[in-house]
């Protein structure tokens, strides 16, 4: 394979990587339970928090715990999406992106 073909292939892969990254960053991820709803985008920005069970407003510690679970779930979903979609480009170097 000549150098021009390698460079063309690398440029194509870079374009695909950038496109996929943008798609992930714009995608919404949802955590919903009987108590709360949390929406976030793939760039780790929380876009909505809704307290469904209003009685939690009287139990600060429980609300904090539920939000913590929700946020960690969202972050895990985003990480998994990035690993699944970007892994084929990064070859296991996902932590770099």
N, C-alpha and C. Protein backbone atom coordinates (compact mmCIF):
# COMPACT_ATOMS: atom_id res chain seq x y z
N UNK A 1 0.85 -1.18 0.00
CA UNK A 1 0.00 0.00 0.00
C UNK A 1 0.89 1.24 0.00
N UNK A 2 0.61 2.17 -0.87
CA UNK A 2 1.46 3.36 -0.93
C UNK A 2 1.05 4.39 0.12
N UNK A 3 1.92 5.37 0.32
CA UNK A 3 1.72 6.37 1.37
C UNK A 3 0.45 7.19 1.14
N UNK A 4 0.12 7.51 -0.11
CA UNK A 4 -1.09 8.29 -0.38
C UNK A 4 -2.35 7.52 0.02
N UNK A 5 -2.36 6.24 -0.24
CA UNK A 5 -3.51 5.42 0.13
C UNK A 5 -3.65 5.34 1.65
N UNK A 6 -2.53 5.22 2.33
CA UNK A 6 -2.55 5.17 3.80
C UNK A 6 -3.06 6.49 4.36
N UNK A 7 -2.58 7.59 3.81
CA UNK A 7 -3.02 8.90 4.27
C UNK A 7 -4.51 9.12 3.99
N UNK A 8 -4.97 8.68 2.84
CA UNK A 8 -6.39 8.81 2.49
C UNK A 8 -7.25 8.00 3.45
N UNK A 9 -6.79 6.79 3.77
CA UNK A 9 -7.53 5.95 4.70
C UNK A 9 -7.55 6.57 6.11
N UNK A 10 -6.41 7.12 6.53
CA UNK A 10 -6.33 7.77 7.84
C UNK A 10 -7.27 8.97 7.90
N UNK A 11 -7.32 9.75 6.84
CA UNK A 11 -8.20 10.92 6.80
C UNK A 11 -9.67 10.49 6.86
N UNK A 12 -10.00 9.40 6.16
CA UNK A 12 -11.36 8.88 6.18
C UNK A 12 -11.74 8.44 7.59
N UNK A 13 -10.84 7.71 8.24
CA UNK A 13 -11.09 7.25 9.61
C UNK A 13 -11.24 8.41 10.57
N UNK A 14 -10.43 9.44 10.39
CA UNK A 14 -10.52 10.62 11.24
C UNK A 14 -11.88 11.28 11.08
N UNK A 15 -12.36 11.39 9.86
CA UNK A 15 -13.67 11.97 9.61
C UNK A 15 -14.78 11.16 10.25
N UNK A 16 -14.70 9.85 10.14
CA UNK A 16 -15.69 8.97 10.76
C UNK A 16 -15.66 9.10 12.28
N UNK A 17 -14.47 9.17 12.84
CA UNK A 17 -14.31 9.32 14.28
C UNK A 17 -14.93 10.62 14.75
N UNK A 18 -14.65 11.71 14.05
CA UNK A 18 -15.21 13.01 14.42
C UNK A 18 -16.73 13.01 14.32
N UNK A 19 -17.27 12.40 13.26
CA UNK A 19 -18.71 12.33 13.08
C UNK A 19 -19.37 11.53 14.20
N UNK A 20 -18.79 10.38 14.52
CA UNK A 20 -19.33 9.52 15.57
C UNK A 20 -19.25 10.21 16.93
N UNK A 21 -18.14 10.89 17.19
CA UNK A 21 -17.98 11.63 18.45
C UNK A 21 -19.06 12.70 18.57
N UNK A 22 -19.29 13.44 17.51
CA UNK A 22 -20.32 14.48 17.54
C UNK A 22 -21.70 13.88 17.78
N UNK A 23 -22.00 12.75 17.13
CA UNK A 23 -23.28 12.09 17.33
C UNK A 23 -23.48 11.69 18.80
N UNK A 24 -22.43 11.16 19.40
CA UNK A 24 -22.51 10.77 20.82
C UNK A 24 -22.71 11.99 21.70
N UNK A 25 -21.97 13.06 21.43
CA UNK A 25 -22.09 14.26 22.24
C UNK A 25 -23.47 14.89 22.17
N UNK A 26 -24.17 14.72 21.06
CA UNK A 26 -25.50 15.30 20.89
C UNK A 26 -26.62 14.37 21.35
N UNK A 27 -26.30 13.10 21.54
CA UNK A 27 -27.31 12.11 21.95
C UNK A 27 -27.74 12.36 23.39
N UNK A 28 -29.03 12.14 23.67
CA UNK A 28 -29.52 12.27 25.02
C UNK A 28 -29.56 10.90 25.71
N UNK A 29 -29.17 10.90 26.96
CA UNK A 29 -29.17 9.71 27.78
C UNK A 29 -30.14 9.94 28.93
N UNK A 30 -30.88 8.90 29.30
CA UNK A 30 -31.96 9.02 30.27
C UNK A 30 -31.77 8.08 31.45
N UNK A 31 -32.00 8.61 32.63
CA UNK A 31 -32.16 7.79 33.82
C UNK A 31 -33.53 8.13 34.37
N UNK A 32 -34.36 7.12 34.57
CA UNK A 32 -35.69 7.36 35.13
C UNK A 32 -36.01 6.27 36.13
N UNK A 33 -36.50 6.70 37.28
CA UNK A 33 -36.98 5.78 38.31
C UNK A 33 -38.34 6.29 38.77
N UNK A 34 -38.89 5.65 39.77
CA UNK A 34 -40.15 6.14 40.33
C UNK A 34 -39.96 7.48 41.04
N UNK A 35 -38.71 7.83 41.31
CA UNK A 35 -38.41 9.02 42.10
C UNK A 35 -37.90 10.22 41.30
N UNK A 36 -37.05 9.97 40.32
CA UNK A 36 -36.43 11.08 39.57
C UNK A 36 -36.28 10.73 38.10
N UNK A 37 -36.14 11.77 37.31
CA UNK A 37 -35.81 11.65 35.90
C UNK A 37 -34.62 12.56 35.65
N UNK A 38 -33.60 12.03 34.99
CA UNK A 38 -32.41 12.82 34.67
C UNK A 38 -32.10 12.63 33.19
N UNK A 39 -31.89 13.73 32.50
CA UNK A 39 -31.48 13.69 31.10
C UNK A 39 -30.11 14.35 30.99
N UNK A 40 -29.26 13.77 30.17
CA UNK A 40 -27.93 14.33 29.93
C UNK A 40 -27.55 14.06 28.49
N UNK A 41 -26.62 14.85 27.99
CA UNK A 41 -26.09 14.62 26.66
C UNK A 41 -24.75 13.90 26.77
N UNK A 42 -24.31 13.36 25.65
CA UNK A 42 -23.08 12.57 25.63
C UNK A 42 -21.82 13.35 25.92
N UNK A 43 -21.93 14.68 26.00
CA UNK A 43 -20.77 15.48 26.39
C UNK A 43 -20.81 15.79 27.89
N UNK A 44 -21.53 14.93 28.63
CA UNK A 44 -21.60 14.99 30.10
C UNK A 44 -22.27 16.25 30.63
N UNK A 45 -23.22 16.79 29.90
CA UNK A 45 -23.98 17.95 30.37
C UNK A 45 -25.37 17.50 30.77
N UNK A 46 -25.75 17.82 32.00
CA UNK A 46 -27.09 17.50 32.48
C UNK A 46 -28.05 18.52 31.87
N UNK A 47 -29.10 18.04 31.21
CA UNK A 47 -30.05 18.95 30.58
C UNK A 47 -31.37 19.04 31.32
N UNK A 48 -31.66 18.06 32.19
CA UNK A 48 -32.91 18.11 32.93
C UNK A 48 -32.83 17.22 34.15
N UNK A 49 -33.38 17.72 35.25
CA UNK A 49 -33.58 16.93 36.46
C UNK A 49 -35.02 17.17 36.89
N UNK A 50 -35.75 16.10 37.06
CA UNK A 50 -37.14 16.22 37.51
C UNK A 50 -37.34 15.31 38.72
N UNK A 51 -37.82 15.90 39.79
CA UNK A 51 -38.15 15.13 40.99
C UNK A 51 -39.60 14.64 40.80
N UNK A 52 -39.77 13.36 40.59
CA UNK A 52 -41.10 12.80 40.37
C UNK A 52 -41.81 12.57 41.70
N UNK A 53 -41.09 12.01 42.64
CA UNK A 53 -41.65 11.72 43.96
C UNK A 53 -41.38 12.93 44.86
N UNK A 54 -42.34 13.81 44.96
CA UNK A 54 -42.17 15.07 45.71
C UNK A 54 -41.94 14.85 47.20
N UNK A 55 -42.30 13.70 47.73
CA UNK A 55 -42.06 13.44 49.15
C UNK A 55 -40.56 13.39 49.46
N UNK A 56 -39.74 13.18 48.42
CA UNK A 56 -38.28 13.18 48.62
C UNK A 56 -37.75 14.54 49.04
N UNK A 57 -38.52 15.57 48.76
CA UNK A 57 -38.08 16.92 49.13
C UNK A 57 -37.97 17.07 50.65
N UNK A 58 -38.64 16.19 51.37
CA UNK A 58 -38.58 16.21 52.83
C UNK A 58 -37.47 15.32 53.38
N UNK A 59 -36.82 14.55 52.51
CA UNK A 59 -35.76 13.64 52.94
C UNK A 59 -34.51 13.91 52.12
N UNK A 60 -33.76 14.88 52.57
CA UNK A 60 -32.58 15.36 51.83
C UNK A 60 -31.57 14.25 51.56
N UNK A 61 -31.29 13.44 52.56
CA UNK A 61 -30.29 12.37 52.40
C UNK A 61 -30.73 11.35 51.35
N UNK A 62 -32.00 10.96 51.37
CA UNK A 62 -32.52 10.00 50.39
C UNK A 62 -32.46 10.61 48.99
N UNK A 63 -32.85 11.87 48.85
CA UNK A 63 -32.81 12.54 47.55
C UNK A 63 -31.38 12.59 47.02
N UNK A 64 -30.42 12.92 47.87
CA UNK A 64 -29.02 12.95 47.47
C UNK A 64 -28.56 11.58 46.97
N UNK A 65 -28.94 10.52 47.71
CA UNK A 65 -28.56 9.16 47.32
C UNK A 65 -29.16 8.78 45.96
N UNK A 66 -30.44 9.11 45.76
CA UNK A 66 -31.11 8.78 44.51
C UNK A 66 -30.49 9.55 43.34
N UNK A 67 -30.19 10.83 43.56
CA UNK A 67 -29.54 11.62 42.50
C UNK A 67 -28.15 11.06 42.18
N UNK A 68 -27.43 10.66 43.19
CA UNK A 68 -26.10 10.07 43.00
C UNK A 68 -26.18 8.82 42.13
N UNK A 69 -27.14 7.96 42.41
CA UNK A 69 -27.33 6.75 41.61
C UNK A 69 -27.68 7.13 40.17
N UNK A 70 -28.56 8.11 40.01
CA UNK A 70 -28.97 8.55 38.68
C UNK A 70 -27.82 9.12 37.88
N UNK A 71 -27.05 9.99 38.50
CA UNK A 71 -25.91 10.59 37.79
C UNK A 71 -24.89 9.53 37.40
N UNK A 72 -24.61 8.62 38.31
CA UNK A 72 -23.64 7.56 38.00
C UNK A 72 -24.15 6.65 36.88
N UNK A 73 -25.45 6.41 36.85
CA UNK A 73 -26.03 5.61 35.78
C UNK A 73 -25.87 6.31 34.43
N UNK A 74 -26.15 7.60 34.40
CA UNK A 74 -26.01 8.38 33.16
C UNK A 74 -24.56 8.36 32.69
N UNK A 75 -23.63 8.61 33.60
CA UNK A 75 -22.21 8.61 33.23
C UNK A 75 -21.77 7.25 32.71
N UNK A 76 -22.29 6.19 33.32
CA UNK A 76 -21.98 4.83 32.86
C UNK A 76 -22.54 4.58 31.46
N UNK A 77 -23.75 5.05 31.21
CA UNK A 77 -24.35 4.91 29.87
C UNK A 77 -23.51 5.62 28.82
N UNK A 78 -23.07 6.83 29.14
CA UNK A 78 -22.26 7.62 28.20
C UNK A 78 -20.93 6.92 27.94
N UNK A 79 -20.30 6.46 29.00
CA UNK A 79 -19.01 5.76 28.85
C UNK A 79 -19.17 4.51 27.98
N UNK A 80 -20.21 3.76 28.24
CA UNK A 80 -20.47 2.54 27.47
C UNK A 80 -20.72 2.86 26.00
N UNK A 81 -21.49 3.91 25.74
CA UNK A 81 -21.77 4.32 24.36
C UNK A 81 -20.47 4.71 23.64
N UNK A 82 -19.63 5.44 24.33
CA UNK A 82 -18.35 5.84 23.73
C UNK A 82 -17.47 4.62 23.46
N UNK A 83 -17.41 3.70 24.41
CA UNK A 83 -16.60 2.50 24.21
C UNK A 83 -17.12 1.67 23.04
N UNK A 84 -18.44 1.53 22.96
CA UNK A 84 -19.04 0.72 21.89
C UNK A 84 -18.87 1.36 20.52
N UNK A 85 -19.09 2.66 20.44
CA UNK A 85 -19.07 3.33 19.14
C UNK A 85 -17.67 3.76 18.70
N UNK A 86 -16.83 4.14 19.66
CA UNK A 86 -15.50 4.65 19.31
C UNK A 86 -14.42 3.59 19.40
N UNK A 87 -14.71 2.47 20.04
CA UNK A 87 -13.72 1.41 20.22
C UNK A 87 -13.14 0.89 18.93
N UNK A 88 -13.97 0.84 17.89
CA UNK A 88 -13.47 0.32 16.61
C UNK A 88 -12.47 1.27 15.97
N UNK A 89 -12.50 2.55 16.36
CA UNK A 89 -11.54 3.52 15.82
C UNK A 89 -10.29 3.64 16.69
N UNK A 90 -10.49 3.49 18.00
CA UNK A 90 -9.39 3.74 18.91
C UNK A 90 -8.60 2.49 19.25
N UNK A 91 -9.12 1.33 18.94
CA UNK A 91 -8.40 0.08 19.20
C UNK A 91 -8.04 -0.11 20.65
N UNK A 92 -8.98 0.21 21.56
CA UNK A 92 -8.72 0.03 22.97
C UNK A 92 -8.09 1.24 23.64
N UNK A 93 -7.90 2.32 22.93
CA UNK A 93 -7.32 3.53 23.51
C UNK A 93 -8.42 4.54 23.84
N UNK A 94 -9.62 4.05 24.16
CA UNK A 94 -10.76 4.91 24.40
C UNK A 94 -10.53 5.96 25.46
N UNK A 95 -9.69 5.68 26.43
CA UNK A 95 -9.40 6.65 27.48
C UNK A 95 -8.74 7.91 26.98
N UNK A 96 -8.19 7.85 25.78
CA UNK A 96 -7.54 9.02 25.23
C UNK A 96 -8.53 9.99 24.60
N UNK A 97 -9.77 9.56 24.40
CA UNK A 97 -10.76 10.40 23.71
C UNK A 97 -11.89 10.80 24.61
